[in-house]
Amino acid sequence: MNEVLQNLVLLQDLDAMIADAQDSEILDQTEKMGFEIKNLEKLKEARQEIAEKIPPDIFNHYCKILKAYGRAIAPVKDSLCLGCFISIPTSLSSKSIGNEVLRNCENCGRFLYWV
């Protein structure tokens, strides 16, 4: 898998964890289950480290799509973007290229990875 794509996936996971750690409703639910969410600062530091490894133009696009849709990366299965459920053109979904080249959905703009 492309290194930039791997970092984008890590960044999206960290963003989800940070969002959960800052959501009072989720915090209440986790406390009721007997769990604590700690180290928000460490999550933010890890996010910053990963973000620095991503080229600025790609990072800016990631932030824009994240803000618009809540998730900036979507899997492709059976030639379908599972972010917007639009069929991916066969020229984009070449199995020979797979996850080695960073691709975006032509409809929603999300970064794509093939499963």
C-alpha atoms as a PDB file:
ATOM      1  CA  MET A   1       0.000   0.000   0.000  1.00  0.00           C
ATOM      2  CA  ASN A   2       1.158   3.498  -0.831  1.00  0.00           C
ATOM      3  CA  GLU A   3       2.877   5.153   2.172  1.00  0.00           C
ATOM      4  CA  VAL A   4       0.818   8.344   1.836  1.00  0.00           C
ATOM      5  CA  LEU A   5      -2.372   6.273   1.760  1.00  0.00           C
ATOM      6  CA  GLN A   6      -1.262   4.383   4.882  1.00  0.00           C
ATOM      7  CA  ASN A   7      -0.659   7.692   6.655  1.00  0.00           C
ATOM      8  CA  LEU A   8      -4.069   8.978   5.546  1.00  0.00           C
ATOM      9  CA  VAL A   9      -5.743   5.884   7.011  1.00  0.00           C
ATOM     10  CA  LEU A  10      -3.838   6.370  10.285  1.00  0.00           C
ATOM     11  CA  LEU A  11      -4.773  10.049  10.315  1.00  0.00           C
ATOM     12  CA  GLN A  12      -8.450   9.261   9.783  1.00  0.00           C
ATOM     13  CA  ASP A  13      -8.378   6.742  12.652  1.00  0.00           C
ATOM     14  CA  LEU A  14      -6.705   9.274  14.953  1.00  0.00           C
ATOM     15  CA  ASP A  15      -9.213  11.964  13.962  1.00  0.00           C
ATOM     16  CA  ALA A  16     -12.059   9.577  14.835  1.00  0.00           C
ATOM     17  CA  MET A  17     -10.519   8.775  18.230  1.00  0.00           C
ATOM     18  CA  ILE A  18      -9.948  12.465  18.987  1.00  0.00           C
ATOM     19  CA  ALA A  19     -13.526  13.312  18.000  1.00  0.00           C
ATOM     20  CA  ASP A  20     -14.837  10.546  20.267  1.00  0.00           C
ATOM     21  CA  ALA A  21     -12.642  11.742  23.135  1.00  0.00           C
ATOM     22  CA  GLN A  22     -14.082  15.252  22.802  1.00  0.00           C
ATOM     23  CA  ASP A  23     -17.748  14.204  22.497  1.00  0.00           C
ATOM     24  CA  SER A  24     -19.450  14.498  25.905  1.00  0.00           C
ATOM     25  CA  GLU A  25     -22.169  11.988  24.986  1.00  0.00           C
ATOM     26  CA  ILE A  26     -19.606   9.358  24.020  1.00  0.00           C
ATOM     27  CA  LEU A  27     -17.576  10.137  27.151  1.00  0.00           C
ATOM     28  CA  ASP A  28     -20.676   9.581  29.302  1.00  0.00           C
ATOM     29  CA  GLN A  29     -21.405   6.270  27.584  1.00  0.00           C
ATOM     30  CA  THR A  30     -17.852   4.987  27.999  1.00  0.00           C
ATOM     31  CA  GLU A  31     -17.791   5.998  31.667  1.00  0.00           C
ATOM     32  CA  LYS A  32     -21.073   4.135  32.243  1.00  0.00           C
ATOM     33  CA  MET A  33     -19.417   1.044  30.748  1.00  0.00           C
ATOM     34  CA  GLY A  34     -16.477   1.468  33.134  1.00  0.00           C
ATOM     35  CA  PHE A  35     -13.919   2.872  30.715  1.00  0.00           C
ATOM     36  CA  GLU A  36     -11.941   6.091  30.742  1.00  0.00           C
ATOM     37  CA  ILE A  37     -10.642   7.987  27.757  1.00  0.00           C
ATOM     38  CA  LYS A  38      -7.233   9.346  28.666  1.00  0.00           C
ATOM     39  CA  ASN A  39      -4.296  10.925  26.915  1.00  0.00           C
ATOM     40  CA  LEU A  40      -6.117  13.178  24.484  1.00  0.00           C
ATOM     41  CA  GLU A  41      -2.917  15.197  24.198  1.00  0.00           C
ATOM     42  CA  LYS A  42      -0.962  12.108  23.112  1.00  0.00           C
ATOM     43  CA  LEU A  43      -3.558  11.428  20.419  1.00  0.00           C
ATOM     44  CA  LYS A  44      -3.193  15.000  19.197  1.00  0.00           C
ATOM     45  CA  GLU A  45       0.605  14.688  19.187  1.00  0.00           C
ATOM     46  CA  ALA A  46       0.419  11.446  17.218  1.00  0.00           C
ATOM     47  CA  ARG A  47      -1.965  13.121  14.766  1.00  0.00           C
ATOM     48  CA  GLN A  48       0.488  15.992  14.271  1.00  0.00           C
ATOM     49  CA  GLU A  49       3.355  13.553  13.601  1.00  0.00           C
ATOM     50  CA  ILE A  50       1.344  11.685  10.969  1.00  0.00           C
ATOM     51  CA  ALA A  51       0.037  14.912   9.392  1.00  0.00           C
ATOM     52  CA  GLU A  52       3.617  16.133   8.903  1.00  0.00           C
ATOM     53  CA  LYS A  53       4.380  13.035   6.805  1.00  0.00           C
ATOM     54  CA  ILE A  54       1.623  13.867   4.308  1.00  0.00           C
ATOM     55  CA  PRO A  55       2.302  16.336   1.470  1.00  0.00           C
ATOM     56  CA  PRO A  56       0.522  19.668   2.129  1.00  0.00           C
ATOM     57  CA  ASP A  57      -1.743  19.552  -0.954  1.00  0.00           C
ATOM     58  CA  ILE A  58      -2.961  16.055  -0.069  1.00  0.00           C
ATOM     59  CA  PHE A  59      -3.395  17.007   3.590  1.00  0.00           C
ATOM     60  CA  ASN A  60      -5.444  20.065   2.630  1.00  0.00           C
ATOM     61  CA  HIS A  61      -7.676  17.937   0.396  1.00  0.00           C
ATOM     62  CA  TYR A  62      -8.041  15.414   3.242  1.00  0.00           C
ATOM     63  CA  CYS A  63      -9.169  18.176   5.638  1.00  0.00           C
ATOM     64  CA  LYS A  64     -11.648  19.573   3.121  1.00  0.00           C
ATOM     65  CA  ILE A  65     -13.233  16.165   2.458  1.00  0.00           C
ATOM     66  CA  LEU A  66     -13.212  15.276   6.163  1.00  0.00           C
ATOM     67  CA  LYS A  67     -15.102  18.468   6.948  1.00  0.00           C
ATOM     68  CA  ALA A  68     -17.620  17.839   4.170  1.00  0.00           C
ATOM     69  CA  TYR A  69     -18.317  14.141   4.748  1.00  0.00           C
ATOM     70  CA  GLY A  70     -16.930  13.158   8.143  1.00  0.00           C
ATOM     71  CA  ARG A  71     -14.707  10.511   6.516  1.00  0.00           C
ATOM     72  CA  ALA A  72     -12.106  11.337   3.896  1.00  0.00           C
ATOM     73  CA  ILE A  73     -11.098   7.818   2.913  1.00  0.00           C
ATOM     74  CA  ALA A  74     -13.380   5.153   1.490  1.00  0.00           C
ATOM     75  CA  PRO A  75     -12.905   1.538   0.472  1.00  0.00           C
ATOM     76  CA  VAL A  76     -13.731   0.317  -3.018  1.00  0.00           C
ATOM     77  CA  LYS A  77     -15.460  -3.024  -3.343  1.00  0.00           C
ATOM     78  CA  ASP A  78     -16.832  -4.495  -6.558  1.00  0.00           C
ATOM     79  CA  SER A  79     -15.931  -1.225  -8.346  1.00  0.00           C
ATOM     80  CA  LEU A  80     -18.094   0.814  -5.961  1.00  0.00           C
ATOM     81  CA  CYS A  81     -16.911   3.715  -3.820  1.00  0.00           C
ATOM     82  CA  LEU A  82     -18.322   2.781  -0.421  1.00  0.00           C
ATOM     83  CA  GLY A  83     -18.306   6.450   0.569  1.00  0.00           C
ATOM     84  CA  CYS A  84     -20.860   7.638  -1.988  1.00  0.00           C
ATOM     85  CA  PHE A  85     -21.893   4.311  -3.586  1.00  0.00           C
ATOM     86  CA  ILE A  86     -21.075   5.448  -7.113  1.00  0.00           C
ATOM     87  CA  SER A  87     -19.483   3.044  -9.572  1.00  0.00           C
ATOM     88  CA  ILE A  88     -15.776   3.639 -10.113  1.00  0.00           C
ATOM     89  CA  PRO A  89     -14.729   3.801 -13.791  1.00  0.00           C
ATOM     90  CA  THR A  90     -12.774   0.742 -14.895  1.00  0.00           C
ATOM     91  CA  SER A  91      -9.841   2.967 -15.848  1.00  0.00           C
ATOM     92  CA  LEU A  92      -9.558   3.985 -12.180  1.00  0.00           C
ATOM     93  CA  SER A  93     -10.008   0.551 -10.691  1.00  0.00           C
ATOM     94  CA  SER A  94      -7.228  -1.236 -12.519  1.00  0.00           C
ATOM     95  CA  LYS A  95      -6.160  -4.238 -10.451  1.00  0.00           C
ATOM     96  CA  SER A  96      -2.582  -3.837 -11.674  1.00  0.00           C
ATOM     97  CA  ILE A  97      -2.349  -0.444  -9.945  1.00  0.00           C
ATOM     98  CA  GLY A  98      -4.375  -1.338  -6.838  1.00  0.00           C
ATOM     99  CA  ASN A  99      -3.423   0.627  -3.732  1.00  0.00           C
ATOM    100  CA  GLU A 100       0.007   1.699  -5.037  1.00  0.00           C
ATOM    101  CA  VAL A 101      -1.310   4.902  -6.617  1.00  0.00           C
ATOM    102  CA  LEU A 102      -3.282   7.451  -4.626  1.00  0.00           C
ATOM    103  CA  ARG A 103      -6.725   7.833  -6.236  1.00  0.00           C
ATOM    104  CA  ASN A 104      -9.800   9.938  -5.510  1.00  0.00           C
ATOM    105  CA  CYS A 105     -13.422   9.158  -6.214  1.00  0.00           C
ATOM    106  CA  GLU A 106     -14.527  11.237  -9.194  1.00  0.00           C
ATOM    107  CA  ASN A 107     -17.882  11.840  -7.494  1.00  0.00           C
ATOM    108  CA  CYS A 108     -17.220  12.585  -3.802  1.00  0.00           C
ATOM    109  CA  GLY A 109     -13.459  13.276  -3.870  1.00  0.00           C
ATOM    110  CA  ARG A 110     -12.648  10.802  -1.087  1.00  0.00           C
ATOM    111  CA  PHE A 111      -9.320   9.006  -1.188  1.00  0.00           C
ATOM    112  CA  LEU A 112      -9.861   5.409  -2.272  1.00  0.00           C
ATOM    113  CA  TYR A 113      -8.362   2.081  -1.326  1.00  0.00           C
ATOM    114  CA  TRP A 114      -9.238  -1.302  -2.726  1.00  0.00           C
ATOM    115  CA  VAL A 115     -10.279  -4.212  -0.495  1.00  0.00           C
END
